[in-house]
């Protein structure tokens, strides 16, 4: 697992995510879709209802990071 705060461009070690039931359902469905269609570097965005908060999720393969941008590759490889 890797966590990135895009605003500060910093790796994070711990976060708390508070979701409504609808957001949790969207997260569940997004994870299921990524699991069933394992195109590495594919991702999903989960938004709150007014679209001012966003959670992006993806599944990665440490042996093939070709679909990721350089910042994501560095985070995955070095956790920084």
PDB file of N, CA and C in Angstrom:
ATOM      1  N   UNK A   1       0.854  -1.175   0.000  1.00  0.00           N
ATOM      2  CA  UNK A   1       0.000   0.000   0.000  1.00  0.00           C
ATOM      3  C   UNK A   1       0.892   1.228   0.000  1.00  0.00           C
ATOM      4  N   UNK A   2       0.531   2.165  -0.823  1.00  0.00           N
ATOM      5  CA  UNK A   2       1.230   3.442  -0.858  1.00  0.00           C
ATOM      6  C   UNK A   2       0.187   4.546  -0.794  1.00  0.00           C
ATOM      7  N   UNK A   3       0.490   5.614  -0.069  1.00  0.00           N
ATOM      8  CA  UNK A   3      -0.422   6.734   0.103  1.00  0.00           C
ATOM      9  C   UNK A   3       0.299   8.015  -0.276  1.00  0.00           C
ATOM     10  N   UNK A   4      -0.307   8.823  -1.125  1.00  0.00           N
ATOM     11  CA  UNK A   4       0.299  10.063  -1.578  1.00  0.00           C
ATOM     12  C   UNK A   4      -0.651  11.222  -1.348  1.00  0.00           C
ATOM     13  N   UNK A   5      -0.165  12.253  -0.684  1.00  0.00           N
ATOM     14  CA  UNK A   5      -0.886  13.520  -0.586  1.00  0.00           C
ATOM     15  C   UNK A   5      -0.435  14.352  -1.779  1.00  0.00           C
ATOM     16  N   UNK A   6      -1.279  14.457  -2.787  1.00  0.00           N
ATOM     17  CA  UNK A   6      -0.894  15.156  -4.012  1.00  0.00           C
ATOM     18  C   UNK A   6      -0.640  16.636  -3.788  1.00  0.00           C
ATOM     19  N   UNK A   7      -1.366  17.230  -2.872  1.00  0.00           N
ATOM     20  CA  UNK A   7      -1.201  18.664  -2.632  1.00  0.00           C
ATOM     21  C   UNK A   7       0.196  18.992  -2.109  1.00  0.00           C
ATOM     22  N   UNK A   8       0.669  18.206  -1.159  1.00  0.00           N
ATOM     23  CA  UNK A   8       1.999  18.455  -0.596  1.00  0.00           C
ATOM     24  C   UNK A   8       3.080  17.604  -1.263  1.00  0.00           C
ATOM     25  N   UNK A   9       2.666  16.701  -2.169  1.00  0.00           N
ATOM     26  CA  UNK A   9       3.588  15.781  -2.842  1.00  0.00           C
ATOM     27  C   UNK A   9       4.374  14.959  -1.831  1.00  0.00           C
ATOM     28  N   UNK A  10       3.686  14.515  -0.770  1.00  0.00           N
ATOM     29  CA  UNK A  10       4.327  13.763   0.302  1.00  0.00           C
ATOM     30  C   UNK A  10       3.712  12.384   0.454  1.00  0.00           C
ATOM     31  N   UNK A  11       4.567  11.410   0.706  1.00  0.00           N
ATOM     32  CA  UNK A  11       4.084  10.072   1.042  1.00  0.00           C
ATOM     33  C   UNK A  11       3.507  10.113   2.455  1.00  0.00           C
ATOM     34  N   UNK A  12       2.427   9.412   2.658  1.00  0.00           N
ATOM     35  CA  UNK A  12       1.791   9.344   3.970  1.00  0.00           C
ATOM     36  C   UNK A  12       1.905   7.932   4.512  1.00  0.00           C
ATOM     37  N   UNK A  13       1.898   7.797   5.793  1.00  0.00           N
ATOM     38  CA  UNK A  13       1.970   6.484   6.437  1.00  0.00           C
ATOM     39  C   UNK A  13       0.623   6.040   6.998  1.00  0.00           C
ATOM     40  N   UNK A  14      -0.258   6.992   7.258  1.00  0.00           N
ATOM     41  CA  UNK A  14      -1.524   6.656   7.889  1.00  0.00           C
ATOM     42  C   UNK A  14      -2.564   7.698   7.523  1.00  0.00           C
ATOM     43  N   UNK A  15      -3.763   7.245   7.240  1.00  0.00           N
ATOM     44  CA  UNK A  15      -4.879   8.153   6.990  1.00  0.00           C
ATOM     45  C   UNK A  15      -6.148   7.542   7.587  1.00  0.00           C
ATOM     46  N   UNK A  16      -7.122   8.364   7.778  1.00  0.00           N
ATOM     47  CA  UNK A  16      -8.466   7.913   8.144  1.00  0.00           C
ATOM     48  C   UNK A  16      -9.377   8.380   7.019  1.00  0.00           C
ATOM     49  N   UNK A  17     -10.211   7.483   6.521  1.00  0.00           N
ATOM     50  CA  UNK A  17     -11.159   7.815   5.462  1.00  0.00           C
ATOM     51  C   UNK A  17     -12.566   7.642   6.028  1.00  0.00           C
ATOM     52  N   UNK A  18     -13.335   8.694   5.981  1.00  0.00           N
ATOM     53  CA  UNK A  18     -14.720   8.661   6.446  1.00  0.00           C
ATOM     54  C   UNK A  18     -15.610   8.644   5.220  1.00  0.00           C
ATOM     55  N   UNK A  19     -16.429   7.617   5.074  1.00  0.00           N
ATOM     56  CA  UNK A  19     -17.282   7.461   3.902  1.00  0.00           C
ATOM     57  C   UNK A  19     -18.744   7.363   4.288  1.00  0.00           C
ATOM     58  N   UNK A  20     -19.608   7.935   3.456  1.00  0.00           N
ATOM     59  CA  UNK A  20     -21.035   7.672   3.596  1.00  0.00           C
ATOM     60  C   UNK A  20     -21.293   6.265   3.060  1.00  0.00           C
ATOM     61  N   UNK A  21     -22.445   5.762   3.287  1.00  0.00           N
ATOM     62  CA  UNK A  21     -22.786   4.433   2.767  1.00  0.00           C
ATOM     63  C   UNK A  21     -22.680   4.418   1.236  1.00  0.00           C
ATOM     64  N   UNK A  22     -23.173   5.458   0.582  1.00  0.00           N
ATOM     65  CA  UNK A  22     -23.110   5.523  -0.884  1.00  0.00           C
ATOM     66  C   UNK A  22     -21.666   5.561  -1.370  1.00  0.00           C
ATOM     67  N   UNK A  23     -20.812   6.312  -0.680  1.00  0.00           N
ATOM     68  CA  UNK A  23     -19.402   6.378  -1.065  1.00  0.00           C
ATOM     69  C   UNK A  23     -18.714   5.034  -0.836  1.00  0.00           C
ATOM     70  N   UNK A  24     -19.055   4.361   0.260  1.00  0.00           N
ATOM     71  CA  UNK A  24     -18.487   3.041   0.534  1.00  0.00           C
ATOM     72  C   UNK A  24     -18.917   2.036  -0.532  1.00  0.00           C
ATOM     73  N   UNK A  25     -20.149   2.129  -0.962  1.00  0.00           N
ATOM     74  CA  UNK A  25     -20.628   1.246  -2.033  1.00  0.00           C
ATOM     75  C   UNK A  25     -19.877   1.515  -3.330  1.00  0.00           C
ATOM     76  N   UNK A  26     -19.641   2.782  -3.638  1.00  0.00           N
ATOM     77  CA  UNK A  26     -18.889   3.129  -4.837  1.00  0.00           C
ATOM     78  C   UNK A  26     -17.448   2.628  -4.728  1.00  0.00           C
ATOM     79  N   UNK A  27     -16.849   2.749  -3.558  1.00  0.00           N
ATOM     80  CA  UNK A  27     -15.504   2.235  -3.339  1.00  0.00           C
ATOM     81  C   UNK A  27     -15.478   0.716  -3.537  1.00  0.00           C
ATOM     82  N   UNK A  28     -16.423   0.015  -2.935  1.00  0.00           N
ATOM     83  CA  UNK A  28     -16.510  -1.443  -3.082  1.00  0.00           C
ATOM     84  C   UNK A  28     -16.635  -1.835  -4.549  1.00  0.00           C
ATOM     85  N   UNK A  29     -17.531  -1.171  -5.264  1.00  0.00           N
ATOM     86  CA  UNK A  29     -17.736  -1.486  -6.672  1.00  0.00           C
ATOM     87  C   UNK A  29     -16.494  -1.185  -7.506  1.00  0.00           C
ATOM     88  N   UNK A  30     -15.810  -0.115  -7.176  1.00  0.00           N
ATOM     89  CA  UNK A  30     -14.586   0.251  -7.897  1.00  0.00           C
ATOM     90  C   UNK A  30     -13.485  -0.772  -7.663  1.00  0.00           C
ATOM     91  N   UNK A  31     -13.324  -1.197  -6.410  1.00  0.00           N
ATOM     92  CA  UNK A  31     -12.314  -2.223  -6.111  1.00  0.00           C
ATOM     93  C   UNK A  31     -12.664  -3.527  -6.831  1.00  0.00           C
ATOM     94  N   UNK A  32     -13.928  -3.901  -6.804  1.00  0.00           N
ATOM     95  CA  UNK A  32     -14.343  -5.115  -7.513  1.00  0.00           C
ATOM     96  C   UNK A  32     -14.040  -5.021  -8.997  1.00  0.00           C
ATOM     97  N   UNK A  33     -14.306  -3.873  -9.602  1.00  0.00           N
ATOM     98  CA  UNK A  33     -14.031  -3.691 -11.027  1.00  0.00           C
ATOM     99  C   UNK A  33     -12.539  -3.810 -11.311  1.00  0.00           C
ATOM    100  N   UNK A  34     -11.706  -3.177 -10.489  1.00  0.00           N
ATOM    101  CA  UNK A  34     -10.259  -3.278 -10.668  1.00  0.00           C
ATOM    102  C   UNK A  34      -9.775  -4.715 -10.497  1.00  0.00           C
ATOM    103  N   UNK A  35     -10.374  -5.427  -9.549  1.00  0.00           N
ATOM    104  CA  UNK A  35      -9.984  -6.814  -9.294  1.00  0.00           C
ATOM    105  C   UNK A  35     -10.374  -7.707 -10.470  1.00  0.00           C
ATOM    106  N   UNK A  36     -11.567  -7.510 -10.994  1.00  0.00           N
ATOM    107  CA  UNK A  36     -12.070  -8.358 -12.076  1.00  0.00           C
ATOM    108  C   UNK A  36     -11.437  -8.027 -13.421  1.00  0.00           C
ATOM    109  N   UNK A  37     -10.933  -6.812 -13.586  1.00  0.00           N
ATOM    110  CA  UNK A  37     -10.306  -6.372 -14.836  1.00  0.00           C
ATOM    111  C   UNK A  37      -8.918  -5.820 -14.503  1.00  0.00           C
ATOM    112  N   UNK A  38      -7.972  -6.720 -14.238  1.00  0.00           N
ATOM    113  CA  UNK A  38      -6.672  -6.300 -13.703  1.00  0.00           C
ATOM    114  C   UNK A  38      -5.739  -5.674 -14.741  1.00  0.00           C
ATOM    115  N   UNK A  39      -6.072  -4.492 -15.173  1.00  0.00           N
ATOM    116  CA  UNK A  39      -5.180  -3.730 -16.040  1.00  0.00           C
ATOM    117  C   UNK A  39      -4.368  -2.834 -15.118  1.00  0.00           C
ATOM    118  N   UNK A  40      -3.123  -3.209 -14.914  1.00  0.00           N
ATOM    119  CA  UNK A  40      -2.311  -2.469 -13.961  1.00  0.00           C
ATOM    120  C   UNK A  40      -2.184  -1.021 -14.389  1.00  0.00           C
ATOM    121  N   UNK A  41      -2.218  -0.165 -13.435  1.00  0.00           N
ATOM    122  CA  UNK A  41      -2.222   1.287 -13.585  1.00  0.00           C
ATOM    123  C   UNK A  41      -3.619   1.813 -13.878  1.00  0.00           C
ATOM    124  N   UNK A  42      -4.599   0.934 -14.050  1.00  0.00           N
ATOM    125  CA  UNK A  42      -5.989   1.392 -14.142  1.00  0.00           C
ATOM    126  C   UNK A  42      -6.380   1.929 -12.773  1.00  0.00           C
ATOM    127  N   UNK A  43      -7.290   2.860 -12.755  1.00  0.00           N
ATOM    128  CA  UNK A  43      -7.680   3.465 -11.490  1.00  0.00           C
ATOM    129  C   UNK A  43      -9.136   3.916 -11.546  1.00  0.00           C
ATOM    130  N   UNK A  44      -9.664   4.192 -10.389  1.00  0.00           N
ATOM    131  CA  UNK A  44     -11.023   4.719 -10.247  1.00  0.00           C
ATOM    132  C   UNK A  44     -10.983   5.910  -9.310  1.00  0.00           C
ATOM    133  N   UNK A  45     -11.881   6.828  -9.546  1.00  0.00           N
ATOM    134  CA  UNK A  45     -12.045   7.993  -8.685  1.00  0.00           C
ATOM    135  C   UNK A  45     -13.368   7.849  -7.945  1.00  0.00           C
ATOM    136  N   UNK A  46     -13.333   8.077  -6.655  1.00  0.00           N
ATOM    137  CA  UNK A  46     -14.539   8.094  -5.838  1.00  0.00           C
ATOM    138  C   UNK A  46     -14.673   9.523  -5.322  1.00  0.00           C
ATOM    139  N   UNK A  47     -15.797  10.134  -5.627  1.00  0.00           N
ATOM    140  CA  UNK A  47     -16.042  11.532  -5.246  1.00  0.00           C
ATOM    141  C   UNK A  47     -17.142  11.610  -4.203  1.00  0.00           C
ATOM    142  N   UNK A  48     -17.104  12.653  -3.398  1.00  0.00           N
ATOM    143  CA  UNK A  48     -18.237  12.941  -2.533  1.00  0.00           C
ATOM    144  C   UNK A  48     -19.329  13.580  -3.404  1.00  0.00           C
ATOM    145  N   UNK A  49     -20.507  13.727  -2.853  1.00  0.00           N
ATOM    146  CA  UNK A  49     -21.637  14.148  -3.691  1.00  0.00           C
ATOM    147  C   UNK A  49     -21.479  15.542  -4.280  1.00  0.00           C
ATOM    148  N   UNK A  50     -20.711  16.424  -3.652  1.00  0.00           N
ATOM    149  CA  UNK A  50     -20.526  17.755  -4.242  1.00  0.00           C
ATOM    150  C   UNK A  50     -19.198  17.879  -5.004  1.00  0.00           C
ATOM    151  N   UNK A  51     -18.500  16.757  -5.175  1.00  0.00           N
ATOM    152  CA  UNK A  51     -17.274  16.662  -5.982  1.00  0.00           C
ATOM    153  C   UNK A  51     -16.118  17.536  -5.478  1.00  0.00           C
ATOM    154  N   UNK A  52     -16.114  17.929  -4.212  1.00  0.00           N
ATOM    155  CA  UNK A  52     -14.984  18.720  -3.720  1.00  0.00           C
ATOM    156  C   UNK A  52     -13.961  17.872  -2.956  1.00  0.00           C
ATOM    157  N   UNK A  53     -14.205  16.556  -2.872  1.00  0.00           N
ATOM    158  CA  UNK A  53     -13.245  15.615  -2.296  1.00  0.00           C
ATOM    159  C   UNK A  53     -13.166  14.404  -3.212  1.00  0.00           C
ATOM    160  N   UNK A  54     -11.975  13.835  -3.282  1.00  0.00           N
ATOM    161  CA  UNK A  54     -11.764  12.731  -4.207  1.00  0.00           C
ATOM    162  C   UNK A  54     -10.820  11.701  -3.589  1.00  0.00           C
ATOM    163  N   UNK A  55     -11.164  10.448  -3.769  1.00  0.00           N
ATOM    164  CA  UNK A  55     -10.301   9.333  -3.410  1.00  0.00           C
ATOM    165  C   UNK A  55     -10.006   8.589  -4.706  1.00  0.00           C
ATOM    166  N   UNK A  56      -8.737   8.415  -5.029  1.00  0.00           N
ATOM    167  CA  UNK A  56      -8.355   7.674  -6.227  1.00  0.00           C
ATOM    168  C   UNK A  56      -7.729   6.366  -5.775  1.00  0.00           C
ATOM    169  N   UNK A  57      -8.172   5.263  -6.378  1.00  0.00           N
ATOM    170  CA  UNK A  57      -7.635   3.955  -6.031  1.00  0.00           C
ATOM    171  C   UNK A  57      -7.113   3.277  -7.285  1.00  0.00           C
ATOM    172  N   UNK A  58      -6.099   2.453  -7.111  1.00  0.00           N
ATOM    173  CA  UNK A  58      -5.571   1.668  -8.225  1.00  0.00           C
ATOM    174  C   UNK A  58      -4.934   0.407  -7.668  1.00  0.00           C
ATOM    175  N   UNK A  59      -4.722  -0.552  -8.534  1.00  0.00           N
ATOM    176  CA  UNK A  59      -3.993  -1.768  -8.199  1.00  0.00           C
ATOM    177  C   UNK A  59      -2.711  -1.733  -9.013  1.00  0.00           C
ATOM    178  N   UNK A  60      -1.595  -2.022  -8.373  1.00  0.00           N
ATOM    179  CA  UNK A  60      -0.328  -1.984  -9.097  1.00  0.00           C
ATOM    180  C   UNK A  60       0.410  -3.310  -8.977  1.00  0.00           C
ATOM    181  N   UNK A  61       1.303  -3.528  -9.927  1.00  0.00           N
ATOM    182  CA  UNK A  61       2.175  -4.688  -9.959  1.00  0.00           C
ATOM    183  C   UNK A  61       3.597  -4.143  -9.869  1.00  0.00           C
ATOM    184  N   UNK A  62       4.299  -4.458  -8.812  1.00  0.00           N
ATOM    185  CA  UNK A  62       5.647  -3.913  -8.620  1.00  0.00           C
ATOM    186  C   UNK A  62       6.607  -4.273  -9.750  1.00  0.00           C
ATOM    187  N   UNK A  63       6.295  -5.322 -10.494  1.00  0.00           N
ATOM    188  CA  UNK A  63       7.156  -5.740 -11.606  1.00  0.00           C
ATOM    189  C   UNK A  63       6.850  -5.013 -12.904  1.00  0.00           C
ATOM    190  N   UNK A  64       5.750  -4.279 -12.956  1.00  0.00           N
ATOM    191  CA  UNK A  64       5.392  -3.544 -14.181  1.00  0.00           C
ATOM    192  C   UNK A  64       4.683  -2.259 -13.799  1.00  0.00           C
ATOM    193  N   UNK A  65       5.435  -1.195 -13.726  1.00  0.00           N
ATOM    194  CA  UNK A  65       4.878   0.115 -13.376  1.00  0.00           C
ATOM    195  C   UNK A  65       4.767   1.011 -14.609  1.00  0.00           C
ATOM    196  N   UNK A  66       4.795   0.429 -15.789  1.00  0.00           N
ATOM    197  CA  UNK A  66       4.857   1.199 -17.035  1.00  0.00           C
ATOM    198  C   UNK A  66       3.671   2.138 -17.243  1.00  0.00           C
ATOM    199  N   UNK A  67       2.530   1.868 -16.666  1.00  0.00           N
ATOM    200  CA  UNK A  67       1.371   2.723 -16.869  1.00  0.00           C
ATOM    201  C   UNK A  67       1.278   3.910 -15.931  1.00  0.00           C
ATOM    202  N   UNK A  68       2.232   4.034 -15.022  1.00  0.00           N
ATOM    203  CA  UNK A  68       2.182   5.088 -14.018  1.00  0.00           C
ATOM    204  C   UNK A  68       3.101   6.245 -14.374  1.00  0.00           C
ATOM    205  N   UNK A  69       2.758   7.428 -13.857  1.00  0.00           N
ATOM    206  CA  UNK A  69       3.638   8.579 -14.038  1.00  0.00           C
ATOM    207  C   UNK A  69       4.869   8.414 -13.143  1.00  0.00           C
ATOM    208  N   UNK A  70       5.862   9.256 -13.356  1.00  0.00           N
ATOM    209  CA  UNK A  70       7.131   9.121 -12.640  1.00  0.00           C
ATOM    210  C   UNK A  70       6.969   9.280 -11.134  1.00  0.00           C
ATOM    211  N   UNK A  71       6.094  10.184 -10.699  1.00  0.00           N
ATOM    212  CA  UNK A  71       5.885  10.384  -9.264  1.00  0.00           C
ATOM    213  C   UNK A  71       5.308   9.123  -8.628  1.00  0.00           C
ATOM    214  N   UNK A  72       4.342   8.517  -9.299  1.00  0.00           N
ATOM    215  CA  UNK A  72       3.735   7.287  -8.782  1.00  0.00           C
ATOM    216  C   UNK A  72       4.750   6.157  -8.741  1.00  0.00           C
ATOM    217  N   UNK A  73       5.561   6.038  -9.779  1.00  0.00           N
ATOM    218  CA  UNK A  73       6.596   4.993  -9.802  1.00  0.00           C
ATOM    219  C   UNK A  73       7.556   5.156  -8.626  1.00  0.00           C
ATOM    220  N   UNK A  74       7.982   6.390  -8.351  1.00  0.00           N
ATOM    221  CA  UNK A  74       8.901   6.641  -7.246  1.00  0.00           C
ATOM    222  C   UNK A  74       8.260   6.279  -5.904  1.00  0.00           C
ATOM    223  N   UNK A  75       6.996   6.639  -5.749  1.00  0.00           N
ATOM    224  CA  UNK A  75       6.288   6.316  -4.505  1.00  0.00           C
ATOM    225  C   UNK A  75       6.189   4.811  -4.325  1.00  0.00           C
ATOM    226  N   UNK A  76       5.786   4.106  -5.368  1.00  0.00           N
ATOM    227  CA  UNK A  76       5.617   2.658  -5.264  1.00  0.00           C
ATOM    228  C   UNK A  76       6.965   1.979  -5.000  1.00  0.00           C
ATOM    229  N   UNK A  77       7.989   2.388  -5.725  1.00  0.00           N
ATOM    230  CA  UNK A  77       9.293   1.749  -5.597  1.00  0.00           C
ATOM    231  C   UNK A  77      10.011   2.085  -4.304  1.00  0.00           C
ATOM    232  N   UNK A  78       9.914   3.324  -3.855  1.00  0.00           N
ATOM    233  CA  UNK A  78      10.720   3.788  -2.726  1.00  0.00           C
ATOM    234  C   UNK A  78       9.922   4.205  -1.507  1.00  0.00           C
ATOM    235  N   UNK A  79       8.605   4.224  -1.623  1.00  0.00           N
ATOM    236  CA  UNK A  79       7.714   4.664  -0.531  1.00  0.00           C
ATOM    237  C   UNK A  79       8.106   6.062  -0.046  1.00  0.00           C
ATOM    238  N   UNK A  80       8.442   6.943  -1.015  1.00  0.00           N
ATOM    239  CA  UNK A  80       8.758   8.338  -0.640  1.00  0.00           C
ATOM    240  C   UNK A  80       8.163   9.323  -1.627  1.00  0.00           C
TER     241      UNK A  80
END
